[in-house]
Amino acid sequence: MPSTTTQHSATYASPAPSTAQPSSAPGADSPGAGSPDAGSPGAGSPGAGSPGTEAPDTPKPTIVPTPSKDGFTPVDASKFQLDGGHYFRSPSGNIFCGILTQAPYGVGCQLASTNHISPKLPNCTDAPDRKVAAHLYQGKSELLCTSQGIFVGIPQDGSPAGGAVLNYAESLTVNGYTCSSSSQGVRCVSGGHGFAISADDQHTF
């Protein structure tokens, strides 16, 4: 298991490593999935097949994502796809996270600044080359210091780094990892293992 205080050599603003491009096609339970004509009158509808008559316009139902049992609303993962991974930032702009497909990255988050540093990271600071981070891969979670933007998506269009905002009460699931955003921070899990990270607390479970 990698040391929780491993020093990386690149600069904090460097792009995340290029990874294989995962499919971004929405699944069967994604918003908007299913037949595009599901709300249109078809055969068997009033007026269908009747000469000289027109079926009344029937508005298509609005599909609203249903919150999961933990109260978080799943989002469309394709909106967070960037440079071979899926990246997001917290509404506060202080937490940057990435779900990467290339081993051994898995999912991780790092802080721009912190009010509290876990005792497990005695050498971490708010310096650009000692950022507090958390990582989960293949059932193993850890806290670490990072000197590079491993989990920070770097857009190519000049927009802010970090990817799209994952709003409070929303969750993103990719490759078996689920990250949830709340006012208390970001929590990422897979198979019962994971981490929680914020400016005031960082821990693994």
Protein backbone atom coordinates (compact mmCIF):
# COMPACT_ATOMS: atom_id res chain seq x y z
CA MET A 1 0.00 0.00 0.00
CA PRO A 2 1.49 3.39 -0.96
CA SER A 3 2.76 5.60 1.86
CA THR A 4 0.22 8.17 2.89
CA THR A 5 2.83 10.88 2.70
CA THR A 6 4.28 10.04 -0.70
CA GLN A 7 5.87 13.08 -2.34
CA HIS A 8 5.01 13.46 -6.02
CA SER A 9 7.38 15.31 -8.28
CA ALA A 10 5.22 17.28 -10.72
CA THR A 11 3.69 20.70 -10.11
CA TYR A 12 0.21 21.08 -8.66
CA ALA A 13 -1.26 22.63 -11.79
CA SER A 14 -0.12 19.87 -14.15
CA PRO A 15 -2.87 17.96 -15.96
CA ALA A 16 -4.08 14.62 -14.73
CA PRO A 17 -2.55 11.66 -16.58
CA SER A 18 -4.18 10.79 -19.88
CA THR A 19 -6.42 7.78 -19.50
CA ALA A 20 -8.54 5.51 -21.64
CA GLN A 21 -11.80 7.10 -22.71
CA PRO A 22 -14.76 5.43 -20.96
CA SER A 23 -18.11 5.19 -22.63
CA SER A 24 -20.34 8.13 -21.78
CA ALA A 25 -23.54 6.65 -23.15
CA PRO A 26 -26.28 7.00 -20.54
CA GLY A 27 -27.56 3.77 -19.05
CA ALA A 28 -31.09 2.52 -19.08
CA ASP A 29 -31.85 4.35 -15.84
CA SER A 30 -30.25 7.63 -16.93
CA PRO A 31 -32.43 10.72 -17.34
CA GLY A 32 -33.72 10.75 -20.88
CA ALA A 33 -32.97 7.05 -21.50
CA GLY A 34 -35.59 4.96 -23.24
CA SER A 35 -37.71 5.46 -26.29
CA PRO A 36 -37.77 9.09 -27.47
CA ASP A 37 -41.39 8.64 -28.51
CA ALA A 38 -42.58 7.26 -25.17
CA GLY A 39 -44.91 10.19 -24.60
CA SER A 40 -46.31 10.44 -28.16
CA PRO A 41 -49.68 9.03 -29.21
CA GLY A 42 -49.16 5.82 -31.18
CA ALA A 43 -51.20 2.93 -32.51
CA GLY A 44 -54.15 2.34 -30.23
CA SER A 45 -54.26 5.99 -29.14
CA PRO A 46 -57.49 7.93 -29.63
CA GLY A 47 -57.62 9.05 -33.24
CA ALA A 48 -54.72 6.87 -34.36
CA GLY A 49 -55.41 5.37 -37.76
CA SER A 50 -58.72 7.24 -38.10
CA PRO A 51 -58.97 9.06 -41.45
CA GLY A 52 -59.70 12.74 -41.26
CA THR A 53 -58.98 13.07 -37.55
CA GLU A 54 -55.85 14.13 -35.72
CA ALA A 55 -54.78 12.92 -32.33
CA PRO A 56 -54.52 15.78 -29.83
CA ASP A 57 -51.03 16.94 -28.96
CA THR A 58 -49.93 15.14 -25.84
CA PRO A 59 -47.04 16.78 -23.97
CA LYS A 60 -44.17 14.46 -23.24
CA PRO A 61 -43.64 13.87 -19.54
CA THR A 62 -40.69 15.58 -17.90
CA ILE A 63 -38.25 13.03 -16.54
CA VAL A 64 -37.06 14.06 -13.10
CA PRO A 65 -34.19 12.07 -11.55
CA THR A 66 -35.32 10.23 -8.46
CA PRO A 67 -33.17 10.68 -5.36
CA SER A 68 -31.61 7.44 -4.14
CA LYS A 69 -32.35 5.99 -0.72
CA ASP A 70 -29.55 8.08 0.79
CA GLY A 71 -31.18 11.29 -0.46
CA PHE A 72 -28.69 12.14 -3.23
CA THR A 73 -29.85 12.69 -6.80
CA PRO A 74 -27.76 10.85 -9.43
CA VAL A 75 -26.36 13.01 -12.24
CA ASP A 76 -25.56 12.27 -15.89
CA ALA A 77 -21.93 11.14 -15.86
CA SER A 78 -21.31 12.34 -19.43
CA LYS A 79 -21.52 15.95 -18.22
CA PHE A 80 -18.41 15.37 -16.10
CA GLN A 81 -16.29 13.56 -18.67
CA LEU A 82 -13.02 15.33 -19.41
CA ASP A 83 -9.63 14.30 -20.75
CA GLY A 84 -10.11 10.55 -20.27
CA GLY A 85 -11.71 10.72 -16.82
CA HIS A 86 -14.66 12.17 -14.95
CA TYR A 87 -13.87 15.28 -12.93
CA PHE A 88 -15.87 17.58 -10.68
CA ARG A 89 -15.42 20.31 -8.12
CA SER A 90 -17.45 21.19 -5.06
CA PRO A 91 -19.77 24.22 -5.10
CA SER A 92 -17.32 25.96 -2.74
CA GLY A 93 -14.50 25.46 -5.25
CA ASN A 94 -12.25 24.02 -2.53
CA ILE A 95 -12.53 20.30 -3.34
CA PHE A 96 -11.41 18.83 -6.67
CA CYS A 97 -12.13 15.21 -7.51
CA GLY A 98 -11.52 12.78 -10.35
CA ILE A 99 -12.72 9.27 -11.18
CA LEU A 100 -10.01 7.84 -13.43
CA THR A 101 -10.04 4.67 -15.48
CA GLN A 102 -6.31 4.01 -15.57
CA ALA A 103 -4.73 2.02 -12.75
CA PRO A 104 -3.76 2.75 -10.05
CA TYR A 105 -5.78 5.93 -9.70
CA GLY A 106 -9.40 4.89 -9.06
CA VAL A 107 -11.07 7.89 -7.43
CA GLY A 108 -9.54 10.71 -5.43
CA CYS A 109 -10.10 14.24 -4.18
CA GLN A 110 -7.73 16.99 -3.12
CA LEU A 111 -8.16 20.27 -1.29
CA ALA A 112 -7.18 23.73 -2.46
CA SER A 113 -6.92 24.79 1.19
CA THR A 114 -7.66 23.22 4.55
CA ASN A 115 -8.51 24.32 8.09
CA HIS A 116 -7.57 20.97 9.62
CA ILE A 117 -5.02 18.35 8.58
CA SER A 118 -5.39 14.74 9.69
CA PRO A 119 -2.74 13.53 12.16
CA LYS A 120 -2.03 10.80 9.59
CA LEU A 121 -0.46 13.51 7.40
CA PRO A 122 2.01 15.29 9.71
CA ASN A 123 4.03 16.68 6.78
CA CYS A 124 1.10 18.04 4.79
CA THR A 125 0.49 21.80 4.52
CA ASP A 126 -1.37 24.22 2.27
CA ALA A 127 1.77 24.67 0.17
CA PRO A 128 1.31 23.99 -3.57
CA ASP A 129 3.46 20.86 -3.35
CA ARG A 130 1.90 19.41 -0.16
CA LYS A 131 -1.85 19.40 -0.80
CA VAL A 132 -4.10 17.21 1.35
CA ALA A 133 -5.78 14.46 -0.67
CA ALA A 134 -7.72 11.20 -0.28
CA HIS A 135 -7.71 8.20 -2.60
CA LEU A 136 -9.65 4.95 -3.13
CA TYR A 137 -8.61 2.11 -5.42
CA GLN A 138 -9.58 -1.58 -5.37
CA GLY A 139 -11.09 -1.43 -1.90
CA LYS A 140 -8.15 0.39 -0.30
CA SER A 141 -8.55 3.99 0.84
CA GLU A 142 -5.79 6.30 2.04
CA LEU A 143 -4.96 9.88 2.87
CA LEU A 144 -1.95 11.43 1.18
CA CYS A 145 -0.07 14.59 0.29
CA THR A 146 0.18 15.38 -3.38
CA SER A 147 2.39 17.79 -5.26
CA GLN A 148 0.43 17.61 -8.50
CA GLY A 149 -3.14 17.96 -9.70
CA ILE A 150 -3.77 14.23 -10.03
CA PHE A 151 -7.50 14.59 -9.44
CA VAL A 152 -7.96 18.05 -10.97
CA GLY A 153 -9.42 18.06 -14.47
CA ILE A 154 -7.70 20.63 -16.69
CA PRO A 155 -10.14 21.86 -19.38
CA GLN A 156 -8.79 22.65 -22.82
CA ASP A 157 -11.28 25.45 -23.53
CA GLY A 158 -10.05 27.95 -20.96
CA SER A 159 -12.86 27.28 -18.47
CA PRO A 160 -12.01 26.88 -14.77
CA ALA A 161 -10.01 23.82 -13.81
CA GLY A 162 -11.67 21.04 -11.88
CA GLY A 163 -14.52 20.05 -14.17
CA ALA A 164 -18.21 20.77 -13.70
CA VAL A 165 -19.69 21.52 -10.27
CA LEU A 166 -21.29 18.59 -8.46
CA ASN A 167 -23.98 20.41 -6.53
CA TYR A 168 -24.95 19.62 -2.97
CA ALA A 169 -27.31 16.62 -2.70
CA GLU A 170 -26.03 15.21 -6.02
CA SER A 171 -24.02 12.03 -6.63
CA LEU A 172 -21.86 10.85 -9.51
CA THR A 173 -21.31 7.14 -10.23
CA VAL A 174 -18.62 5.91 -12.66
CA ASN A 175 -16.82 2.53 -12.85
CA GLY A 176 -18.35 1.34 -9.57
CA TYR A 177 -17.29 4.45 -7.63
CA THR A 178 -19.91 6.83 -6.23
CA CYS A 179 -19.10 10.31 -4.99
CA SER A 180 -21.68 12.42 -3.16
CA SER A 181 -21.51 16.16 -2.56
CA SER A 182 -22.91 17.88 0.51
CA SER A 183 -22.26 21.03 2.52
CA GLN A 184 -20.11 18.84 4.81
CA GLY A 185 -17.77 17.87 1.96
CA VAL A 186 -17.37 15.04 -0.56
CA ARG A 187 -17.73 11.35 0.22
CA CYS A 188 -16.61 8.66 -2.26
CA VAL A 189 -17.33 4.94 -1.83
CA SER A 190 -16.98 1.61 -3.60
CA GLY A 191 -17.86 -1.77 -2.11
CA GLY A 192 -18.30 -0.35 1.39
CA HIS A 193 -14.88 1.32 1.47
CA GLY A 194 -14.11 4.96 0.87
CA PHE A 195 -13.23 8.36 2.24
CA ALA A 196 -14.72 11.69 3.25
CA ILE A 197 -12.89 14.95 2.69
CA SER A 198 -13.45 18.61 3.50
CA ALA A 199 -11.47 21.57 4.77
CA ASP A 200 -12.39 20.59 8.34
CA ASP A 201 -12.08 16.80 8.21
CA GLN A 202 -10.44 14.02 6.24
CA HIS A 203 -10.88 10.33 7.04
CA THR A 204 -11.07 6.89 5.43
CA PHE A 205 -13.33 3.92 6.17
